[in-house]
Structures are given as structure tokens and as C-alpha cells.
Amino acid sequence: MNFSRSGPSLTFGVRGAHVTFGRRGVTRTVGLPGTGIYYTSRKGYHSGYHSARSDVALDARAQSAATRRVELTLLFVLGILLALLAAAL
């Protein structure tokens, strides 16, 4: 649990994967501990609206599906990297 000027937040998870619930929405982070390789996904207030440029805005369902595809792809790549790391040890 964290209290700051930007508001309270609550984080659940383990090393390498956690979810944070806060004033700005939900933030999910997965990564390889000790490598600096990670992926963060945000859902809620200002969840990437300004980071992607498009002439046609996606509706909420299409945006959610696109976000899910990216997250699943990154989790798949992370799984492969973890398997390679485990095989090397």
C-alpha cells in the first residue's frame, strides 16, 4: 500500500509480475527480474490515448482487444525468454 500526493495505490504480485490499483486506473507490469526487461500496461484514466496516433479512434471494445493481443504476445515472448534462461542455467 502506498500513500502519496498523487493519491493512494495498492499493489499485488510477486517479483517480476504485479498489478497496481490507483487513482489513475490499473497498471500491470511483467518483466525479467535483474535484466531491466519489462512491459507495463495501463487501463483507466489516460491509458495511452496520447501515445498512439491514429486518424480514426478505436472504440472501447477494439482498443481492449488490441491491448489484450499485445499483452498476450509479450507474455509469450517473456515465457520463451524465461525458458531459455532456465535452460542456460
N, C-alpha and C. Protein backbone atom coordinates (compact mmCIF):
# COMPACT_ATOMS: atom_id res chain seq x y z
N MET A 1 0.85 -1.17 0.00
CA MET A 1 0.00 0.00 0.00
C MET A 1 0.90 1.23 0.00
N ASN A 2 0.50 2.23 -0.78
CA ASN A 2 1.29 3.44 -0.90
C ASN A 2 0.38 4.66 -0.79
N PHE A 3 0.84 5.65 -0.06
CA PHE A 3 0.12 6.92 0.05
C PHE A 3 1.06 8.02 -0.42
N SER A 4 0.60 8.81 -1.40
CA SER A 4 1.43 9.90 -1.90
C SER A 4 0.55 11.09 -2.25
N ARG A 5 1.18 12.17 -2.71
CA ARG A 5 0.42 13.36 -3.09
C ARG A 5 -0.52 13.07 -4.26
N SER A 6 -0.13 12.13 -5.15
CA SER A 6 -0.97 11.82 -6.30
C SER A 6 -2.12 10.89 -5.95
N GLY A 7 -2.15 10.39 -4.71
CA GLY A 7 -3.25 9.55 -4.27
C GLY A 7 -2.78 8.18 -3.80
N PRO A 8 -3.66 7.44 -3.14
CA PRO A 8 -3.28 6.12 -2.64
C PRO A 8 -3.27 5.08 -3.76
N SER A 9 -2.47 4.02 -3.56
CA SER A 9 -2.46 2.90 -4.51
C SER A 9 -2.20 1.61 -3.74
N LEU A 10 -2.59 0.50 -4.36
CA LEU A 10 -2.44 -0.82 -3.75
C LEU A 10 -1.84 -1.73 -4.79
N THR A 11 -0.75 -2.43 -4.44
CA THR A 11 -0.05 -3.30 -5.38
C THR A 11 -0.07 -4.73 -4.88
N PHE A 12 -0.38 -5.67 -5.81
CA PHE A 12 -0.35 -7.10 -5.54
C PHE A 12 0.56 -7.76 -6.55
N GLY A 13 1.28 -8.80 -6.13
CA GLY A 13 2.07 -9.55 -7.09
C GLY A 13 3.33 -10.11 -6.48
N VAL A 14 4.15 -10.62 -7.36
CA VAL A 14 5.42 -11.21 -6.98
C VAL A 14 6.51 -10.52 -7.78
N ARG A 15 7.74 -10.84 -7.45
CA ARG A 15 8.86 -10.27 -8.19
C ARG A 15 8.73 -10.69 -9.66
N GLY A 16 8.71 -9.72 -10.54
CA GLY A 16 8.60 -9.99 -11.96
C GLY A 16 7.21 -9.78 -12.53
N ALA A 17 6.19 -9.71 -11.67
CA ALA A 17 4.83 -9.50 -12.16
C ALA A 17 3.98 -8.91 -11.05
N HIS A 18 3.37 -7.75 -11.30
CA HIS A 18 2.49 -7.17 -10.29
C HIS A 18 1.42 -6.30 -10.93
N VAL A 19 0.38 -6.06 -10.16
CA VAL A 19 -0.76 -5.24 -10.58
C VAL A 19 -0.95 -4.15 -9.53
N THR A 20 -1.10 -2.91 -9.99
CA THR A 20 -1.30 -1.78 -9.10
C THR A 20 -2.65 -1.14 -9.39
N PHE A 21 -3.42 -0.92 -8.34
CA PHE A 21 -4.71 -0.25 -8.43
C PHE A 21 -4.55 1.11 -7.78
N GLY A 22 -4.79 2.17 -8.56
CA GLY A 22 -4.62 3.51 -8.03
C GLY A 22 -5.61 4.48 -8.62
N ARG A 23 -5.41 5.74 -8.31
CA ARG A 23 -6.30 6.79 -8.74
C ARG A 23 -6.37 6.92 -10.26
N ARG A 24 -5.29 6.59 -10.94
CA ARG A 24 -5.23 6.72 -12.40
C ARG A 24 -5.68 5.45 -13.12
N GLY A 25 -6.09 4.43 -12.40
CA GLY A 25 -6.54 3.20 -13.03
C GLY A 25 -5.71 2.01 -12.60
N VAL A 26 -5.68 0.98 -13.45
CA VAL A 26 -4.98 -0.26 -13.16
C VAL A 26 -3.71 -0.32 -14.00
N THR A 27 -2.58 -0.64 -13.37
CA THR A 27 -1.31 -0.80 -14.05
C THR A 27 -0.83 -2.22 -13.84
N ARG A 28 -0.53 -2.92 -14.96
CA ARG A 28 0.01 -4.28 -14.89
C ARG A 28 1.42 -4.27 -15.42
N THR A 29 2.35 -4.90 -14.70
CA THR A 29 3.74 -4.93 -15.12
C THR A 29 4.27 -6.35 -15.04
N VAL A 30 4.91 -6.82 -16.11
CA VAL A 30 5.61 -8.10 -16.12
C VAL A 30 7.02 -7.85 -16.62
N GLY A 31 7.98 -8.63 -16.12
CA GLY A 31 9.35 -8.45 -16.55
C GLY A 31 10.25 -9.57 -16.10
N LEU A 32 11.49 -9.50 -16.54
CA LEU A 32 12.52 -10.44 -16.13
C LEU A 32 13.36 -9.78 -15.05
N PRO A 33 13.23 -10.21 -13.80
CA PRO A 33 13.98 -9.58 -12.72
C PRO A 33 15.48 -9.55 -12.98
N GLY A 34 16.08 -8.42 -12.70
CA GLY A 34 17.52 -8.28 -12.83
C GLY A 34 18.00 -7.93 -14.22
N THR A 35 17.10 -7.90 -15.22
CA THR A 35 17.52 -7.62 -16.59
C THR A 35 17.14 -6.23 -17.06
N GLY A 36 16.13 -5.64 -16.45
CA GLY A 36 15.62 -4.36 -16.92
C GLY A 36 14.61 -4.51 -18.03
N ILE A 37 14.30 -5.76 -18.42
CA ILE A 37 13.30 -6.01 -19.46
C ILE A 37 11.94 -6.13 -18.80
N TYR A 38 11.01 -5.27 -19.20
CA TYR A 38 9.68 -5.30 -18.61
C TYR A 38 8.66 -4.71 -19.57
N TYR A 39 7.40 -4.96 -19.30
CA TYR A 39 6.31 -4.38 -20.07
C TYR A 39 5.26 -3.89 -19.08
N THR A 40 4.77 -2.68 -19.29
CA THR A 40 3.75 -2.11 -18.43
C THR A 40 2.51 -1.77 -19.25
N SER A 41 1.35 -2.17 -18.75
CA SER A 41 0.08 -1.89 -19.41
C SER A 41 -0.79 -1.10 -18.44
N ARG A 42 -1.42 -0.05 -18.94
CA ARG A 42 -2.29 0.77 -18.10
C ARG A 42 -3.70 0.76 -18.66
N LYS A 43 -4.67 0.72 -17.75
CA LYS A 43 -6.06 0.78 -18.15
C LYS A 43 -6.76 1.74 -17.20
N GLY A 44 -7.43 2.72 -17.76
CA GLY A 44 -8.11 3.71 -16.93
C GLY A 44 -7.80 5.10 -17.41
N TYR A 45 -7.76 6.03 -16.52
CA TYR A 45 -7.54 7.44 -16.82
C TYR A 45 -6.23 7.64 -17.57
N HIS A 46 -6.26 8.24 -18.73
CA HIS A 46 -5.07 8.50 -19.56
C HIS A 46 -4.28 7.22 -19.82
N SER A 47 -4.96 6.21 -20.32
CA SER A 47 -4.31 4.92 -20.53
C SER A 47 -3.74 4.77 -21.93
N GLY A 48 -2.94 5.72 -22.37
CA GLY A 48 -2.29 5.61 -23.66
C GLY A 48 -2.96 6.38 -24.77
N TYR A 49 -3.98 7.14 -24.48
CA TYR A 49 -4.71 7.89 -25.51
C TYR A 49 -3.77 8.78 -26.32
N HIS A 50 -2.83 9.41 -25.64
CA HIS A 50 -1.93 10.34 -26.32
C HIS A 50 -0.70 9.66 -26.90
N SER A 51 -0.46 8.39 -26.57
CA SER A 51 0.76 7.74 -27.03
C SER A 51 0.62 7.14 -28.42
N ALA A 52 -0.58 6.93 -28.91
CA ALA A 52 -0.77 6.33 -30.22
C ALA A 52 -1.46 7.34 -31.14
N ARG A 53 -0.97 7.43 -32.35
CA ARG A 53 -1.56 8.38 -33.29
C ARG A 53 -2.40 7.61 -34.30
N SER A 54 -3.60 8.05 -34.52
CA SER A 54 -4.48 7.43 -35.48
C SER A 54 -5.49 8.45 -35.96
N ASP A 55 -5.82 8.36 -37.24
CA ASP A 55 -6.84 9.27 -37.78
C ASP A 55 -8.23 8.87 -37.33
N VAL A 56 -8.41 7.57 -37.05
CA VAL A 56 -9.70 7.05 -36.62
C VAL A 56 -9.54 6.44 -35.24
N ALA A 57 -10.26 6.95 -34.27
CA ALA A 57 -10.17 6.43 -32.92
C ALA A 57 -10.84 5.06 -32.84
N LEU A 58 -10.23 4.15 -32.05
CA LEU A 58 -10.82 2.83 -31.83
C LEU A 58 -11.90 2.93 -30.78
N ASP A 59 -12.96 2.13 -30.94
CA ASP A 59 -13.95 2.08 -29.88
C ASP A 59 -13.37 1.27 -28.72
N ALA A 60 -14.04 1.29 -27.58
CA ALA A 60 -13.52 0.66 -26.37
C ALA A 60 -13.28 -0.83 -26.56
N ARG A 61 -14.16 -1.53 -27.26
CA ARG A 61 -14.01 -2.97 -27.47
C ARG A 61 -12.78 -3.28 -28.34
N ALA A 62 -12.59 -2.53 -29.41
CA ALA A 62 -11.45 -2.74 -30.29
C ALA A 62 -10.14 -2.41 -29.58
N GLN A 63 -10.13 -1.35 -28.78
CA GLN A 63 -8.94 -0.98 -28.03
C GLN A 63 -8.59 -2.06 -27.02
N SER A 64 -9.60 -2.58 -26.32
CA SER A 64 -9.38 -3.64 -25.35
C SER A 64 -8.82 -4.90 -26.02
N ALA A 65 -9.37 -5.26 -27.19
CA ALA A 65 -8.89 -6.44 -27.91
C ALA A 65 -7.45 -6.25 -28.37
N ALA A 66 -7.12 -5.06 -28.86
CA ALA A 66 -5.76 -4.78 -29.30
C ALA A 66 -4.78 -4.84 -28.13
N THR A 67 -5.17 -4.28 -27.01
CA THR A 67 -4.32 -4.31 -25.82
C THR A 67 -4.10 -5.75 -25.36
N ARG A 68 -5.14 -6.55 -25.37
CA ARG A 68 -5.03 -7.95 -24.95
C ARG A 68 -4.09 -8.73 -25.87
N ARG A 69 -4.16 -8.48 -27.18
CA ARG A 69 -3.27 -9.17 -28.13
C ARG A 69 -1.81 -8.81 -27.85
N VAL A 70 -1.55 -7.54 -27.61
CA VAL A 70 -0.19 -7.10 -27.32
C VAL A 70 0.30 -7.74 -26.03
N GLU A 71 -0.53 -7.75 -24.99
CA GLU A 71 -0.13 -8.33 -23.71
C GLU A 71 0.14 -9.82 -23.84
N LEU A 72 -0.72 -10.56 -24.57
CA LEU A 72 -0.51 -11.99 -24.75
C LEU A 72 0.76 -12.27 -25.54
N THR A 73 1.03 -11.47 -26.55
CA THR A 73 2.25 -11.63 -27.32
C THR A 73 3.48 -11.40 -26.46
N LEU A 74 3.45 -10.35 -25.66
CA LEU A 74 4.59 -10.06 -24.79
C LEU A 74 4.76 -11.12 -23.71
N LEU A 75 3.67 -11.64 -23.17
CA LEU A 75 3.78 -12.72 -22.19
C LEU A 75 4.36 -13.98 -22.83
N PHE A 76 4.00 -14.26 -24.08
CA PHE A 76 4.55 -15.39 -24.81
C PHE A 76 6.06 -15.22 -24.98
N VAL A 77 6.49 -14.04 -25.41
CA VAL A 77 7.91 -13.76 -25.59
C VAL A 77 8.64 -13.86 -24.25
N LEU A 78 8.03 -13.34 -23.19
CA LEU A 78 8.62 -13.42 -21.86
C LEU A 78 8.78 -14.88 -21.43
N GLY A 79 7.77 -15.71 -21.72
CA GLY A 79 7.85 -17.13 -21.41
C GLY A 79 8.98 -17.81 -22.14
N ILE A 80 9.17 -17.48 -23.41
CA ILE A 80 10.28 -18.06 -24.17
C ILE A 80 11.62 -17.62 -23.58
N LEU A 81 11.73 -16.34 -23.25
CA LEU A 81 12.97 -15.85 -22.64
C LEU A 81 13.27 -16.54 -21.31
N LEU A 82 12.23 -16.73 -20.50
CA LEU A 82 12.41 -17.43 -19.22
C LEU A 82 12.84 -18.88 -19.45
N ALA A 83 12.24 -19.54 -20.44
CA ALA A 83 12.61 -20.92 -20.74
C ALA A 83 14.06 -21.00 -21.20
N LEU A 84 14.48 -20.06 -22.04
CA LEU A 84 15.87 -20.03 -22.49
C LEU A 84 16.83 -19.77 -21.34
N LEU A 85 16.43 -18.88 -20.46
CA LEU A 85 17.26 -18.57 -19.29
C LEU A 85 17.37 -19.78 -18.37
N ALA A 86 16.26 -20.48 -18.14
CA ALA A 86 16.27 -21.68 -17.30
C ALA A 86 17.11 -22.78 -17.93
N ALA A 87 17.05 -22.92 -19.25
CA ALA A 87 17.84 -23.95 -19.94
C ALA A 87 19.33 -23.64 -19.87
N ALA A 88 19.67 -22.35 -19.84
CA ALA A 88 21.08 -21.95 -19.79
C ALA A 88 21.68 -22.19 -18.41
N LEU A 89 20.84 -22.22 -17.39
CA LEU A 89 21.32 -22.43 -16.02
C LEU A 89 21.40 -23.88 -15.76
